[in-house]
Every structure is written in C-alpha cells, then in structure tokens.
Amino acid sequence: MTGRRSAVDALETRAAILRTAADVASVEGLEGLSIGRLATELSMSKSGVLGQFGSKEELQLETVRLVLANFRARVWEPAQHLEHGLPRLLGICDAWTRYAMDPGYPGGCCVATFTFEFDGRPGRVRDELARGLRQWRSTLVGEITAAIEAGDLSAALEPSQAAFSLDAIASGVGPARMLHGDVDAGTWAVRAMRTVLRAP
C-alpha cells in the first residue's frame, strides 16, 4: 500500500509541477522556465523538481504536451459529439473562441506563446509543438472537407486555406483581448470564422 501511495504522490507532484510550469511559461515563455523558480513556487527543493524530469528540455517537452492536451480537451472534445459536417465545425469554432478568450493561463494562450517563441528554433521542443499543431490542422482540414462533401459548405471552399484562416483568426483573439482590451473579440472571431466558411 505504501508503494502505491508513493506512486500516486509522485504523479500528483509531477502534475502540480507541470501546471505551474504552464502558468509561468504562459507569461515568460518556455525558455523562462527555471528549476529554481518552480521549486520556490511549489515549496520544493530544486532536486525534487529536476528529479521528476531529468532536464530542463524534458520539462519543456512535457509542458508542451500538457498544453496541447488541454487545448484538445477545451476545443475538440466539446464538439466531437456533434453531427459530422457543419454542426461539428461550427461547434469547434465556438469552443475555440471560448478557449481563446479564457485559456486558463495567466499569460493567455500557451499554444500561441510557444508558437511565437519556437517557430524559428530547431530542436525537440519545436518538433513536439509542430507535431501537435500539424495534427490539429489536419483535424480542421478533415472537418471542413466533411462539411463540403455533405453539401453544407461551398465546393469552391479550399479546406487548407480555410483551416489557415480559422487559425489566424483564433490566434488574434488573445492579443485583441489582452493588449487592446477588446471584450467582444470572441464574438468578432466567431463572425469572422463564419465569413471564412461562408456559413449562415
């Protein structure tokens, strides 16, 4: 029983470190993560934090995975039960803008922050982020294609172009809200997404 409790404690500690790492990185970036800072935030020793991951790079990688998983849980999962085609696609757009308006991190959307930080920097962290974003882009293209094939959207709509446009709109919500104080940014984004899709 003691061994099982210890394993549970270790998982809970790891989860707490990653949640704190995501909060810190949303403001200061992944490069701003420091073992010492996390140890102080969590009232742990540096060796206790480092021992969970082995290196700063592994901590960064796990933080990226956590953020991508949270994104999928907030944006994809609420819409996946909806009817295939336009209903699901519009559900994704609604969930995506809700997430963009309130991603749950003090510095705003971590996906956007990490993308701007690592898009031009080769390495494992960039590769992990790119993998997750490629998967998301592929999901969007698939949903748009399904809506076209169902006759819900115009056959003239190019799925990859539309997915790019939806992503660009969603990426603009955070800066509009946090930098410019646009409280209606989410509503505007949904309207812009519907315009891209030429949906009613």
Protein backbone atom coordinates (compact mmCIF):
# COMPACT_ATOMS: atom_id res chain seq x y z
CA MET A 1 0.00 0.00 0.00
CA THR A 2 2.87 2.34 0.81
CA GLY A 3 4.39 1.77 -2.63
CA ARG A 4 1.09 2.54 -4.33
CA ARG A 5 0.65 5.72 -2.27
CA SER A 6 4.18 6.80 -3.15
CA ALA A 7 3.47 6.28 -6.86
CA VAL A 8 0.28 8.34 -6.60
CA ASP A 9 2.12 11.08 -4.73
CA ALA A 10 4.82 11.16 -7.42
CA LEU A 11 2.18 11.53 -10.17
CA GLU A 12 0.41 14.29 -8.26
CA THR A 13 3.70 16.10 -7.70
CA ARG A 14 4.57 15.82 -11.38
CA ALA A 15 1.14 17.15 -12.36
CA ALA A 16 1.49 20.09 -9.96
CA ILE A 17 4.91 20.96 -11.38
CA LEU A 18 3.57 20.89 -14.94
CA ARG A 19 0.54 23.03 -14.10
CA THR A 20 2.82 25.60 -12.51
CA ALA A 21 5.27 25.37 -15.42
CA ALA A 22 2.46 26.11 -17.90
CA ASP A 23 1.33 29.12 -15.86
CA VAL A 24 4.87 30.50 -15.68
CA ALA A 25 5.61 29.76 -19.35
CA SER A 26 2.40 31.50 -20.47
CA VAL A 27 3.93 34.74 -19.20
CA GLU A 28 7.68 34.21 -19.55
CA GLY A 29 7.91 31.60 -22.31
CA LEU A 30 9.34 28.11 -22.14
CA GLU A 31 12.87 29.48 -22.01
CA GLY A 32 11.81 31.47 -18.96
CA LEU A 33 11.16 28.25 -17.05
CA SER A 34 13.68 27.76 -14.30
CA ILE A 35 14.01 24.82 -11.94
CA GLY A 36 14.69 27.27 -9.11
CA ARG A 37 11.59 29.33 -9.87
CA LEU A 38 9.36 26.26 -9.93
CA ALA A 39 10.93 24.94 -6.73
CA THR A 40 10.16 28.24 -4.99
CA GLU A 41 6.60 28.40 -6.35
CA LEU A 42 5.89 24.84 -5.16
CA SER A 43 7.91 24.96 -1.93
CA MET A 44 10.07 22.09 -3.19
CA SER A 45 13.79 21.52 -3.50
CA LYS A 46 15.46 22.02 -6.87
CA SER A 47 16.49 18.37 -6.88
CA GLY A 48 12.86 17.40 -6.23
CA VAL A 49 11.71 19.30 -9.30
CA LEU A 50 14.59 18.22 -11.53
CA GLY A 51 14.25 14.61 -10.42
CA GLN A 52 10.78 14.45 -11.97
CA PHE A 53 12.06 15.30 -15.46
CA GLY A 54 15.83 14.92 -15.60
CA SER A 55 16.48 18.09 -17.61
CA LYS A 56 15.00 21.46 -18.45
CA GLU A 57 14.33 20.29 -22.01
CA GLU A 58 12.26 17.34 -20.78
CA LEU A 59 10.31 19.74 -18.55
CA GLN A 60 9.67 21.95 -21.59
CA LEU A 61 8.55 18.97 -23.67
CA GLU A 62 6.13 17.77 -21.01
CA THR A 63 4.78 21.29 -20.61
CA VAL A 64 4.10 21.47 -24.35
CA ARG A 65 2.30 18.12 -24.21
CA LEU A 66 0.17 19.26 -21.29
CA VAL A 67 -0.80 22.49 -23.03
CA LEU A 68 -1.68 20.68 -26.27
CA ALA A 69 -3.76 18.12 -24.35
CA ASN A 70 -5.63 20.92 -22.57
CA PHE A 71 -6.24 22.64 -25.90
CA ARG A 72 -7.76 19.47 -27.36
CA ALA A 73 -9.89 18.97 -24.24
CA ARG A 74 -11.24 22.52 -24.43
CA VAL A 75 -11.63 22.91 -28.20
CA TRP A 76 -12.11 19.48 -29.80
CA GLU A 77 -13.82 17.37 -27.16
CA PRO A 78 -16.85 19.68 -26.60
CA ALA A 79 -17.64 19.45 -30.32
CA GLN A 80 -16.79 15.84 -31.14
CA HIS A 81 -20.27 14.56 -30.23
CA LEU A 82 -21.96 16.94 -32.69
CA GLU A 83 -23.21 15.84 -36.09
CA HIS A 84 -20.43 15.38 -38.63
CA GLY A 85 -20.19 18.29 -41.06
CA LEU A 86 -21.16 21.89 -40.44
CA PRO A 87 -22.67 21.41 -36.93
CA ARG A 88 -19.40 19.94 -35.61
CA LEU A 89 -17.28 22.50 -37.45
CA LEU A 90 -19.26 25.41 -36.01
CA GLY A 91 -19.07 23.76 -32.59
CA ILE A 92 -15.29 23.72 -32.92
CA CYS A 93 -15.28 27.41 -33.85
CA ASP A 94 -17.43 28.29 -30.83
CA ALA A 95 -15.29 26.23 -28.43
CA TRP A 96 -12.08 27.59 -29.96
CA THR A 97 -13.08 31.21 -29.42
CA ARG A 98 -14.24 30.48 -25.86
CA TYR A 99 -10.83 28.96 -25.21
CA ALA A 100 -9.05 31.91 -26.83
CA MET A 101 -10.99 34.31 -24.61
CA ASP A 102 -10.21 32.33 -21.45
CA PRO A 103 -7.46 29.72 -21.96
CA GLY A 104 -6.90 29.28 -18.23
CA TYR A 105 -3.32 30.58 -18.09
CA PRO A 106 -2.31 33.94 -16.59
CA GLY A 107 -0.38 34.99 -19.69
CA GLY A 108 -3.02 33.90 -22.20
CA CYS A 109 -2.92 31.09 -24.74
CA CYS A 110 0.21 28.98 -24.27
CA VAL A 111 -0.14 27.46 -27.73
CA ALA A 112 0.25 30.92 -29.29
CA THR A 113 3.05 31.91 -26.89
CA PHE A 114 5.06 28.75 -27.57
CA THR A 115 4.49 29.02 -31.32
CA PHE A 116 5.90 32.54 -31.48
CA GLU A 117 8.79 31.52 -29.23
CA PHE A 118 9.84 28.36 -31.07
CA ASP A 119 8.67 28.63 -34.68
CA GLY A 120 12.16 29.53 -35.88
CA ARG A 121 14.19 27.49 -33.38
CA PRO A 122 15.15 23.94 -34.35
CA GLY A 123 15.11 21.21 -31.74
CA ARG A 124 12.95 18.71 -29.92
CA VAL A 125 10.65 21.29 -28.33
CA ARG A 126 9.85 22.85 -31.68
CA ASP A 127 9.32 19.40 -33.22
CA GLU A 128 6.88 18.39 -30.47
CA LEU A 129 4.92 21.62 -30.83
CA ALA A 130 4.87 21.31 -34.63
CA ARG A 131 3.63 17.71 -34.38
CA GLY A 132 0.69 18.72 -32.22
CA LEU A 133 -0.21 21.70 -34.39
CA ARG A 134 0.02 19.65 -37.59
CA GLN A 135 -2.38 17.16 -36.04
CA TRP A 136 -4.79 19.97 -35.19
CA ARG A 137 -4.53 21.48 -38.68
CA SER A 138 -5.21 18.05 -40.17
CA THR A 139 -8.30 17.70 -37.95
CA LEU A 140 -9.60 21.07 -39.13
CA VAL A 141 -9.00 20.27 -42.78
CA GLY A 142 -10.81 16.94 -42.32
CA GLU A 143 -13.83 18.59 -40.71
CA ILE A 144 -14.02 21.28 -43.39
CA THR A 145 -13.73 18.64 -46.11
CA ALA A 146 -16.53 16.61 -44.50
CA ALA A 147 -18.78 19.68 -44.39
CA ILE A 148 -18.11 20.34 -48.08
CA GLU A 149 -18.80 16.72 -49.02
CA ALA A 150 -22.05 16.84 -47.03
CA GLY A 151 -23.14 19.85 -49.06
CA ASP A 152 -23.06 22.13 -46.00
CA LEU A 153 -20.32 24.34 -47.43
CA SER A 154 -19.47 25.54 -50.91
CA ALA A 155 -17.47 23.16 -53.08
CA ALA A 156 -15.38 26.19 -54.04
CA LEU A 157 -14.03 26.46 -50.50
CA GLU A 158 -10.43 25.23 -50.28
CA PRO A 159 -10.07 23.27 -47.00
CA SER A 160 -6.40 24.03 -46.29
CA GLN A 161 -6.88 27.74 -46.96
CA ALA A 162 -9.96 27.82 -44.75
CA ALA A 163 -8.13 26.00 -41.92
CA PHE A 164 -5.27 28.50 -42.17
CA SER A 165 -7.73 31.39 -41.96
CA LEU A 166 -9.56 29.95 -38.95
CA ASP A 167 -6.24 29.51 -37.15
CA ALA A 168 -5.18 33.08 -37.97
CA ILE A 169 -8.47 34.44 -36.59
CA ALA A 170 -8.24 32.39 -33.39
CA SER A 171 -4.62 33.46 -32.89
CA GLY A 172 -5.67 37.10 -32.96
CA VAL A 173 -8.21 36.80 -30.15
CA GLY A 174 -5.70 36.74 -27.28
CA PRO A 175 -3.79 39.89 -28.30
CA ALA A 176 -7.07 41.68 -29.04
CA ARG A 177 -8.39 40.82 -25.59
CA MET A 178 -5.23 41.27 -23.54
CA LEU A 179 -3.39 44.05 -25.39
CA HIS A 180 -6.27 46.10 -26.78
CA GLY A 181 -8.96 45.31 -24.23
CA ASP A 182 -11.45 44.15 -26.87
CA VAL A 183 -14.05 42.42 -24.72
CA ASP A 184 -16.02 41.47 -27.84
CA ALA A 185 -13.06 39.76 -29.52
CA GLY A 186 -14.63 36.31 -29.12
CA THR A 187 -17.87 37.39 -30.80
CA TRP A 188 -15.98 39.10 -33.58
CA ALA A 189 -13.86 35.99 -34.11
CA VAL A 190 -16.90 33.72 -34.45
CA ARG A 191 -18.39 36.08 -37.03
CA ALA A 192 -15.09 36.18 -38.94
CA MET A 193 -14.85 32.38 -38.88
CA ARG A 194 -18.37 32.05 -40.27
CA THR A 195 -17.44 34.51 -43.00
CA VAL A 196 -14.41 32.38 -43.94
CA LEU A 197 -16.62 29.31 -44.10
CA ARG A 198 -19.41 31.25 -45.82
CA ALA A 199 -21.71 29.71 -43.22
CA PRO A 200 -25.00 31.31 -42.08
